[in-house]
Amino acid sequence: MIKHFVLLEIADHIKPNEIEKMVNKLIELKNTSIPEIKKISYGKSCSIEGLERGFNYAFVMEFENVSERDIYINHEDHKKVSAEYILPILKNGIESVIVFDF
């Protein structure tokens, strides 16, 4: 099982409905064009430690293996959702993303 962690620094002025739209688009990928996504978890930071360094939202996707993760990464629908629904709500564009897979 491969886990794909994505931390986001969403801009302060972004409304909750814009975040909800992003999440719904990611779920839609799983349910329509990229069935290789086995599971999606997501949420806003609720840590009391204060170690987020500005990253305030995260999602985790699970894949059976690296090949299935790579299908997602390279899929045109993933690229479209990233460009249209994720990047526009970030504080500093791609600098506001951390990805870690294991």
Foldseek 3Di string as FASTA:
>chain_A
DKKKKKFFQFDPPDDPVLVVVLVVLVVVCCVPVQVQFPDKDKDFDPDPPPPSVRGTIMMMTDGPDPVSVVCLVPPPSNVVSCVPRPQVRGPPGPVRMDIDMD
